[in-house]
């Protein structure tokens, strides 16, 4: 079968294997030591992080989903999705401490990419709330990992891109909530400078994210900041989110500069400064999940989502403008752009999150984008910029090594836990992991 990342920018012919239990997984690991293999979850990573010629799918592995309502602890298998977790826990007054922007992500994938959400500035990453997990190593051994037990392997696996073994069972600490709703405040800005200042002013909000217009000629960087807190209205009547498909050809008519500029203008004008509203959890955290094929709108060449972190020791505003203007001058525009503030990082060797400002650019691909990206790396210093691996398709090994300071530490640990290089991906080969 053929598989691709969510960005549809690379297709790989893959031999996919479907084990049903631990013993079959161990047998597969043994059989593919010389060839290399990788666990793939729901395929929501944008680039090549979950691509390989040989794939383990846990689709038919028995799902475990147990909630300790008293202590707020969830036990589940790694093939359970965020959506399935939400369906169980929200109506009972619990929520994940950190959730990504799509609920169609497996728990194993969330750990492997150490996903983050709209609250990194306050609450960190997904892995910061893991009690423990079980993982099958290169030699077939099943071990339990936590901050205290096998901590070295724990911090390599969280954000470790599936390269340290097969995660099977997980325990997660949950957040107590009193409502399915989020109280939202709207704050509007006219440019990047105002947006960055407002992030500082609004840092006490639990959730903070900005939709940003990078296509406006006069007001580049004007933004709508969504500030969120869990409501206390007692409404726990959670319902599953309905989704629908739209014709892929619609992207041909909508994804052009004229249409997107008009949409951005109306979207900006539609929202009122200091406006307050309630949004349910689905609408606030997972707005794009209502369109289950939105990634197809970008056409046959697909798209890339460049999420980069501008580290705290750099002038954010000037660098943001430089980066956006660089891609614009090359003819590559971001049709959807978001900004988020990040807090202190964790101990995980390859995690993305650390103190700074993150911008995410959705860019439709053309024939020469790889050349444009190479030039981008030469122009912008990796001393100040860090690219999120879960969404990357183009970063060079050299840029990666310099921007991820624990690169060598991770590779040294790999020699211990994955000595045969059994667990591989297209990304790991590209970046020298």
Protein backbone atom coordinates (compact mmCIF):
# COMPACT_ATOMS: atom_id res chain seq x y z
CA UNK A 1 0.00 0.00 0.00
CA UNK A 2 0.98 3.65 -0.44
CA UNK A 3 1.15 6.02 2.51
CA UNK A 4 1.88 9.71 2.95
CA UNK A 5 2.07 12.35 5.63
CA UNK A 6 -0.89 14.66 6.25
CA UNK A 7 0.68 17.23 3.94
CA UNK A 8 0.53 14.81 0.97
CA UNK A 9 3.94 16.03 -0.19
CA UNK A 10 5.67 12.63 -0.16
CA UNK A 11 4.24 9.19 -1.01
CA UNK A 12 5.94 5.95 0.02
CA UNK A 13 5.16 2.37 -0.94
CA UNK A 14 4.98 0.53 2.35
CA UNK A 15 4.59 -2.98 3.66
CA UNK A 16 2.14 -2.55 6.56
CA UNK A 17 1.84 -5.25 9.23
CA UNK A 18 -1.06 -5.52 11.69
CA UNK A 19 -0.13 -7.34 14.92
CA UNK A 20 -2.89 -8.26 17.37
CA UNK A 21 -0.89 -8.71 20.57
CA UNK A 22 2.47 -8.08 22.25
CA UNK A 23 3.93 -11.40 21.16
CA UNK A 24 3.26 -10.65 17.50
CA UNK A 25 4.84 -7.19 17.90
CA UNK A 26 7.98 -8.75 19.41
CA UNK A 27 8.13 -11.25 16.53
CA UNK A 28 7.86 -8.44 13.96
CA UNK A 29 10.66 -6.48 15.65
CA UNK A 30 12.87 -9.59 15.52
CA UNK A 31 12.08 -10.26 11.86
CA UNK A 32 12.76 -6.69 10.72
CA UNK A 33 15.97 -5.90 12.61
CA UNK A 34 18.01 -5.83 9.43
CA UNK A 35 15.38 -4.10 7.27
CA UNK A 36 14.09 -1.47 9.68
CA UNK A 37 10.51 -0.78 10.73
CA UNK A 38 8.40 1.96 12.30
CA UNK A 39 5.13 2.23 14.21
CA UNK A 40 2.63 4.52 12.52
CA UNK A 41 -0.42 5.90 14.30
CA UNK A 42 -3.18 7.89 12.62
CA UNK A 43 -0.97 9.48 9.96
CA UNK A 44 -1.55 13.07 11.14
CA UNK A 45 2.11 14.06 11.13
CA UNK A 46 2.59 16.41 8.20
CA UNK A 47 5.93 15.32 6.75
CA UNK A 48 7.99 12.11 6.70
CA UNK A 49 8.28 11.42 10.44
CA UNK A 50 5.83 8.48 10.18
CA UNK A 51 6.92 7.18 6.77
CA UNK A 52 8.95 4.04 6.12
CA UNK A 53 9.02 1.10 3.73
CA UNK A 54 7.97 -1.22 6.59
CA UNK A 55 5.25 -0.15 9.00
CA UNK A 56 3.66 -1.57 12.14
CA UNK A 57 0.02 -0.55 12.53
CA UNK A 58 -1.64 -1.14 15.90
CA UNK A 59 -5.10 -0.89 14.33
CA UNK A 60 -6.04 -4.39 15.49
CA UNK A 61 -4.10 -4.35 18.77
CA UNK A 62 -6.63 -4.62 21.61
CA UNK A 63 -7.65 -1.17 22.80
CA UNK A 64 -7.56 -0.35 26.49
CA UNK A 65 -9.38 2.70 27.81
CA UNK A 66 -9.94 2.91 31.58
CA UNK A 67 -10.72 5.97 33.67
CA UNK A 68 -10.07 6.30 37.39
CA UNK A 69 -12.72 8.96 38.06
CA UNK A 70 -11.65 9.50 41.66
CA UNK A 71 -7.98 10.24 41.02
CA UNK A 72 -8.19 11.54 37.45
CA UNK A 73 -5.90 8.96 35.92
CA UNK A 74 -6.45 7.45 32.48
CA UNK A 75 -5.01 4.10 31.44
CA UNK A 76 -5.05 3.38 27.72
CA UNK A 77 -3.25 1.60 24.92
CA UNK A 78 -1.14 3.71 22.57
CA UNK A 79 -3.51 3.14 19.63
CA UNK A 80 -6.33 5.04 21.35
CA UNK A 81 -7.05 8.48 19.84
CA UNK A 82 -7.57 11.81 21.57
CA UNK A 83 -11.12 11.72 20.19
CA UNK A 84 -11.85 8.41 21.90
CA UNK A 85 -10.41 9.73 25.15
CA UNK A 86 -12.57 12.88 24.97
CA UNK A 87 -15.69 10.79 24.32
CA UNK A 88 -15.05 8.98 27.60
CA UNK A 89 -13.74 11.62 29.99
CA UNK A 90 -15.29 15.03 29.26
CA UNK A 91 -18.85 14.14 30.31
CA UNK A 92 -17.37 12.83 33.57
CA UNK A 93 -15.62 16.11 34.34
CA UNK A 94 -12.09 15.40 33.12
CA UNK A 95 -9.91 16.65 30.27
CA UNK A 96 -6.36 16.25 29.00
CA UNK A 97 -3.93 18.75 30.51
CA UNK A 98 -2.48 19.30 27.03
CA UNK A 99 -4.19 18.56 23.74
CA UNK A 100 -2.95 19.12 20.17
CA UNK A 101 -4.91 20.90 17.43
CA UNK A 102 -6.40 17.66 16.10
CA UNK A 103 -8.17 15.00 18.14
CA UNK A 104 -7.53 12.41 15.44
CA UNK A 105 -4.07 11.73 16.86
CA UNK A 106 -3.11 8.51 18.63
CA UNK A 107 -1.71 8.61 22.14
CA UNK A 108 1.45 6.90 20.89
CA UNK A 109 1.85 9.58 18.23
CA UNK A 110 1.24 12.31 20.80
CA UNK A 111 4.07 10.91 22.94
CA UNK A 112 6.45 10.29 20.02
CA UNK A 113 6.09 13.91 18.90
CA UNK A 114 5.61 15.30 22.41
CA UNK A 115 2.69 17.35 21.13
CA UNK A 116 1.71 20.67 22.62
CA UNK A 117 -1.33 22.89 22.43
CA UNK A 118 -2.58 26.37 23.14
CA UNK A 119 -1.25 26.39 26.70
CA UNK A 120 2.47 25.63 26.46
CA UNK A 121 3.28 29.02 28.00
CA UNK A 122 1.65 27.79 31.23
CA UNK A 123 1.37 24.01 31.15
CA UNK A 124 4.10 22.62 28.93
CA UNK A 125 3.80 19.57 26.65
CA UNK A 126 1.76 16.36 26.50
CA UNK A 127 4.51 14.24 28.04
CA UNK A 128 4.64 16.42 31.17
CA UNK A 129 1.46 14.66 32.32
CA UNK A 130 2.46 11.06 31.69
CA UNK A 131 2.49 8.88 34.78
CA UNK A 132 4.23 6.05 32.95
CA UNK A 133 4.20 3.96 29.79
CA UNK A 134 5.31 0.50 28.66
CA UNK A 135 7.58 0.18 25.64
CA UNK A 136 8.95 -2.74 23.65
CA UNK A 137 12.64 -2.22 22.96
CA UNK A 138 14.83 -3.32 20.07
CA UNK A 139 15.65 -6.63 21.83
CA UNK A 140 11.98 -7.49 22.47
CA UNK A 141 12.12 -6.56 26.16
CA UNK A 142 9.05 -4.82 27.61
CA UNK A 143 9.96 -2.10 30.13
CA UNK A 144 8.04 0.54 32.10
CA UNK A 145 9.20 4.14 31.92
CA UNK A 146 8.48 7.25 33.92
CA UNK A 147 10.28 10.31 35.26
CA UNK A 148 11.67 8.10 38.02
CA UNK A 149 11.90 4.64 36.43
CA UNK A 150 14.07 4.20 33.32
CA UNK A 151 14.01 7.99 33.11
CA UNK A 152 16.73 8.13 30.46
CA UNK A 153 14.60 6.07 28.06
CA UNK A 154 11.50 8.04 29.10
CA UNK A 155 13.01 11.37 28.06
CA UNK A 156 14.34 9.92 24.82
CA UNK A 157 10.98 8.35 23.90
CA UNK A 158 8.90 11.47 24.62
CA UNK A 159 9.53 13.45 21.47
CA UNK A 160 11.69 10.58 20.17
CA UNK A 161 9.72 10.15 16.91
CA UNK A 162 9.07 6.42 17.45
CA UNK A 163 12.78 5.60 17.17
CA UNK A 164 13.28 4.08 20.64
CA UNK A 165 10.70 1.29 20.49
CA UNK A 166 7.00 0.46 20.39
CA UNK A 167 4.88 2.18 23.03
CA UNK A 168 1.98 -0.07 24.04
CA UNK A 169 0.28 1.01 27.30
CA UNK A 170 0.11 4.47 28.87
CA UNK A 171 -1.09 6.14 32.10
CA UNK A 172 -2.00 9.83 31.88
CA UNK A 173 -2.77 12.39 34.59
CA UNK A 174 -5.95 14.35 33.79
CA UNK A 175 -7.32 17.84 34.46
CA UNK A 176 -10.53 18.33 36.46
CA UNK A 177 -13.10 20.47 34.62
CA UNK A 178 -16.65 21.65 35.35
CA UNK A 179 -17.84 22.23 31.80
CA UNK A 180 -17.50 21.14 28.19
CA UNK A 181 -17.25 24.85 27.33
CA UNK A 182 -14.39 27.34 27.09
CA UNK A 183 -14.91 31.00 28.01
CA UNK A 184 -13.24 32.92 25.20
CA UNK A 185 -12.17 36.55 24.98
CA UNK A 186 -11.22 38.13 21.64
CA UNK A 187 -8.34 40.61 21.45
CA UNK A 188 -7.53 42.23 18.10
CA UNK A 189 -4.22 43.74 17.00
CA UNK A 190 -3.05 45.65 13.93
CA UNK A 191 0.48 44.26 13.46
CA UNK A 192 3.12 41.87 14.79
CA UNK A 193 4.48 44.35 17.32
CA UNK A 194 1.08 44.75 18.95
CA UNK A 195 0.44 41.01 18.86
CA UNK A 196 3.71 40.17 20.63
CA UNK A 197 3.04 42.81 23.28
CA UNK A 198 -0.49 41.50 23.85
CA UNK A 199 0.84 37.97 24.33
CA UNK A 200 2.88 39.36 27.23
CA UNK A 201 -0.12 41.22 28.65
CA UNK A 202 -2.41 38.18 28.38
CA UNK A 203 0.03 35.51 29.64
CA UNK A 204 -2.14 34.62 32.65
CA UNK A 205 -4.84 33.10 30.42
CA UNK A 206 -4.65 29.31 30.37
CA UNK A 207 -5.09 29.10 26.59
CA UNK A 208 -3.64 31.63 24.18
CA UNK A 209 -3.39 31.48 20.39
CA UNK A 210 -3.49 34.02 17.59
CA UNK A 211 -4.85 33.73 14.08
CA UNK A 212 -2.60 36.00 12.05
CA UNK A 213 -3.02 37.62 8.65
CA UNK A 214 0.27 37.50 6.74
CA UNK A 215 -1.28 38.39 3.38
CA UNK A 216 -2.41 41.93 4.14
CA UNK A 217 -0.30 44.51 2.31
CA UNK A 218 -0.98 47.30 4.82
CA UNK A 219 -1.44 45.41 8.08
CA UNK A 220 0.99 42.50 7.92
CA UNK A 221 0.69 40.57 11.18
CA UNK A 222 -2.70 41.85 12.25
CA UNK A 223 -4.15 39.21 14.50
CA UNK A 224 -7.10 37.90 16.41
CA UNK A 225 -5.96 36.51 19.76
CA UNK A 226 -8.19 33.88 21.33
CA UNK A 227 -7.87 33.82 25.12
CA UNK A 228 -9.49 30.85 26.83
CA UNK A 229 -10.37 29.49 30.25
CA UNK A 230 -12.45 26.45 31.20
CA UNK A 231 -15.99 27.54 32.01
CA UNK A 232 -17.61 26.89 35.41
CA UNK A 233 -21.17 26.70 34.09
CA UNK A 234 -21.55 23.02 35.01
CA UNK A 235 -22.50 21.98 31.46
CA UNK A 236 -20.90 18.56 30.88
CA UNK A 237 -23.32 17.50 28.15
CA UNK A 238 -20.54 16.65 25.72
CA UNK A 239 -21.49 15.53 22.21
CA UNK A 240 -19.32 14.13 19.47
CA UNK A 241 -18.30 16.61 16.79
CA UNK A 242 -19.89 16.11 13.40
CA UNK A 243 -17.60 16.22 10.41
CA UNK A 244 -18.04 16.37 6.66
CA UNK A 245 -16.08 16.16 3.43
CA UNK A 246 -15.77 18.87 0.84
CA UNK A 247 -14.82 18.42 -2.83
CA UNK A 248 -11.06 18.45 -3.25
CA UNK A 249 -11.44 20.51 -6.43
CA UNK A 250 -12.82 23.32 -4.26
CA UNK A 251 -9.25 24.08 -3.25
CA UNK A 252 -8.45 25.01 -6.85
CA UNK A 253 -11.02 27.83 -6.65
CA UNK A 254 -10.50 28.92 -3.02
CA UNK A 255 -6.76 28.64 -2.37
CA UNK A 256 -5.53 31.64 -4.27
CA UNK A 257 -4.34 35.02 -3.08
CA UNK A 258 -7.49 36.93 -3.99
CA UNK A 259 -9.88 34.57 -2.20
CA UNK A 260 -7.70 34.14 0.88
CA UNK A 261 -7.08 37.87 1.21
CA UNK A 262 -10.83 38.49 1.04
CA UNK A 263 -11.47 35.72 3.57
CA UNK A 264 -8.84 37.13 5.93
CA UNK A 265 -10.33 40.61 5.68
CA UNK A 266 -13.88 39.44 6.45
CA UNK A 267 -12.67 37.09 9.20
CA UNK A 268 -10.78 39.96 10.86
CA UNK A 269 -13.72 42.39 10.57
CA UNK A 270 -16.22 39.77 11.78
CA UNK A 271 -14.56 39.54 15.20
CA UNK A 272 -14.93 42.44 17.63
CA UNK A 273 -12.22 43.55 20.03
CA UNK A 274 -12.91 42.48 23.64
CA UNK A 275 -15.77 40.29 22.42
CA UNK A 276 -16.64 37.44 24.81
CA UNK A 277 -18.22 34.12 23.85
CA UNK A 278 -18.49 30.46 24.76
CA UNK A 279 -17.04 27.76 22.56
CA UNK A 280 -17.32 24.07 23.26
CA UNK A 281 -14.12 22.07 23.50
CA UNK A 282 -14.37 20.76 19.95
CA UNK A 283 -14.82 24.19 18.36
CA UNK A 284 -12.06 25.78 20.43
CA UNK A 285 -9.36 23.13 20.20
CA UNK A 286 -10.13 21.25 16.97
CA UNK A 287 -11.82 23.60 14.46
CA UNK A 288 -10.28 21.97 11.37
CA UNK A 289 -11.45 18.48 12.42
CA UNK A 290 -14.95 19.38 11.21
CA UNK A 291 -13.57 19.03 7.66
CA UNK A 292 -12.09 15.55 7.56
CA UNK A 293 -10.32 16.01 4.22
CA UNK A 294 -9.15 19.61 4.46
CA UNK A 295 -5.58 18.57 3.63
CA UNK A 296 -6.75 17.57 0.13
CA UNK A 297 -7.64 21.16 -0.72
CA UNK A 298 -4.01 21.99 -1.50
CA UNK A 299 -4.00 19.93 -4.68
CA UNK A 300 -1.74 17.25 -6.13
CA UNK A 301 1.53 18.82 -4.88
CA UNK A 302 0.24 18.92 -1.30
CA UNK A 303 1.41 21.42 1.29
CA UNK A 304 3.87 21.81 4.10
CA UNK A 305 3.25 23.23 7.53
CA UNK A 306 6.37 25.03 8.66
CA UNK A 307 6.21 25.50 12.42
CA UNK A 308 9.21 27.30 13.77
CA UNK A 309 10.12 28.58 17.19
CA UNK A 310 11.94 31.88 17.54
CA UNK A 311 13.97 31.47 20.68
CA UNK A 312 13.77 33.93 23.54
CA UNK A 313 17.16 35.52 22.88
CA UNK A 314 16.11 37.08 19.58
CA UNK A 315 14.05 40.12 18.54
CA UNK A 316 10.82 38.31 17.67
CA UNK A 317 9.10 41.02 15.68
CA UNK A 318 11.91 41.75 13.24
CA UNK A 319 12.67 38.11 12.62
CA UNK A 320 9.00 37.25 12.09
CA UNK A 321 8.66 39.92 9.44
CA UNK A 322 11.89 38.82 7.75
CA UNK A 323 10.77 35.18 7.56
CA UNK A 324 7.31 35.94 6.20
CA UNK A 325 8.63 38.45 3.68
CA UNK A 326 11.23 35.95 2.53
CA UNK A 327 8.63 33.32 1.59
CA UNK A 328 6.32 35.96 0.10
CA UNK A 329 9.07 37.28 -2.18
CA UNK A 330 9.70 33.73 -3.37
CA UNK A 331 6.01 33.35 -4.25
CA UNK A 332 5.06 31.08 -1.34
CA UNK A 333 2.27 32.45 0.85
CA UNK A 334 0.86 31.14 4.10
CA UNK A 335 -2.87 30.57 3.71
CA UNK A 336 -3.29 29.87 7.42
CA UNK A 337 -0.94 31.34 10.01
CA UNK A 338 -1.00 30.99 13.80
CA UNK A 339 1.14 32.41 16.59
CA UNK A 340 1.67 30.94 20.06
CA UNK A 341 3.76 31.84 23.08
CA UNK A 342 5.90 29.04 24.55
CA UNK A 343 7.10 28.51 28.09
CA UNK A 344 10.12 26.69 29.48
CA UNK A 345 11.07 23.38 27.90
CA UNK A 346 11.28 19.94 29.51
CA UNK A 347 14.02 17.32 29.81
CA UNK A 348 13.04 15.40 26.66
CA UNK A 349 15.95 15.20 24.25
CA UNK A 350 14.14 16.08 21.01
CA UNK A 351 11.10 18.02 22.22
CA UNK A 352 10.22 21.17 20.33
CA UNK A 353 8.84 23.42 23.03
CA UNK A 354 11.06 25.94 24.80
CA UNK A 355 10.84 29.60 25.77
CA UNK A 356 10.00 31.71 22.76
CA UNK A 357 7.42 32.53 20.12
CA UNK A 358 6.09 30.01 17.61
CA UNK A 359 4.69 30.77 14.17
CA UNK A 360 3.03 28.14 11.96
CA UNK A 361 2.81 28.65 8.20
CA UNK A 362 0.60 26.54 5.90
CA UNK A 363 2.23 26.76 2.47
CA UNK A 364 0.99 25.16 -0.76
CA UNK A 365 3.91 23.49 -2.49
CA UNK A 366 5.34 24.18 -5.89
CA UNK A 367 8.13 22.61 -7.91
CA UNK A 368 10.94 24.71 -6.48
CA UNK A 369 10.00 24.88 -2.79
CA UNK A 370 12.85 22.58 -1.73
CA UNK A 371 15.34 25.05 -3.26
CA UNK A 372 13.59 27.95 -1.56
CA UNK A 373 13.81 26.10 1.75
CA UNK A 374 17.53 25.41 1.31
CA UNK A 375 18.08 29.12 0.75
CA UNK A 376 15.93 29.82 3.83
CA UNK A 377 18.31 27.74 5.97
CA UNK A 378 21.31 29.67 4.68
CA UNK A 379 19.63 33.03 5.27
CA UNK A 380 18.28 32.44 8.79
CA UNK A 381 20.46 31.28 11.65
CA UNK A 382 19.56 28.05 13.45
CA UNK A 383 20.94 29.69 16.56
CA UNK A 384 17.61 31.49 16.85
CA UNK A 385 15.19 29.19 15.00
CA UNK A 386 13.94 25.69 15.76
CA UNK A 387 11.70 23.66 13.39
CA UNK A 388 9.04 21.27 14.72
CA UNK A 389 9.97 17.75 13.57
CA UNK A 390 6.39 16.38 13.45
CA UNK A 391 5.59 18.79 10.62
CA UNK A 392 8.93 18.97 8.86
CA UNK A 393 9.66 17.66 5.37
CA UNK A 394 12.68 19.67 4.22
CA UNK A 395 15.12 20.46 7.04
CA UNK A 396 18.74 19.52 6.49
CA UNK A 397 20.82 17.39 8.84
CA UNK A 398 23.20 20.25 9.54
CA UNK A 399 20.44 22.73 10.45
CA UNK A 400 18.80 20.12 12.67
CA UNK A 401 22.00 19.26 14.57
CA UNK A 402 22.68 22.88 15.42
CA UNK A 403 19.12 23.83 16.41
CA UNK A 404 18.47 20.73 18.56
CA UNK A 405 21.23 20.85 21.15
CA UNK A 406 20.60 17.29 22.41
CA UNK A 407 21.10 15.67 19.00
CA UNK A 408 24.30 13.87 20.06
CA UNK A 409 22.83 12.79 23.41
CA UNK A 410 19.87 11.25 21.62
CA UNK A 411 22.08 9.36 19.19
CA UNK A 412 24.23 8.05 22.03
CA UNK A 413 21.16 6.70 23.79
CA UNK A 414 19.96 5.22 20.50
CA UNK A 415 23.08 3.07 20.42
CA UNK A 416 21.98 1.55 23.73
CA UNK A 417 18.24 1.02 23.17
CA UNK A 418 18.15 0.61 19.38
CA UNK A 419 21.62 -0.79 18.58
CA UNK A 420 20.51 -2.47 15.37
CA UNK A 421 18.75 0.68 14.10
CA UNK A 422 15.59 -1.41 13.91
CA UNK A 423 13.31 1.59 14.26
CA UNK A 424 13.70 3.93 11.30
CA UNK A 425 11.75 6.50 9.33
CA UNK A 426 12.28 8.64 6.25
CA UNK A 427 12.89 11.55 8.60
CA UNK A 428 15.43 9.70 10.75
CA UNK A 429 17.44 8.78 7.65
CA UNK A 430 17.27 12.35 6.34
CA UNK A 431 18.38 13.91 9.63
CA UNK A 432 20.94 11.29 10.66
CA UNK A 433 19.11 9.86 13.67
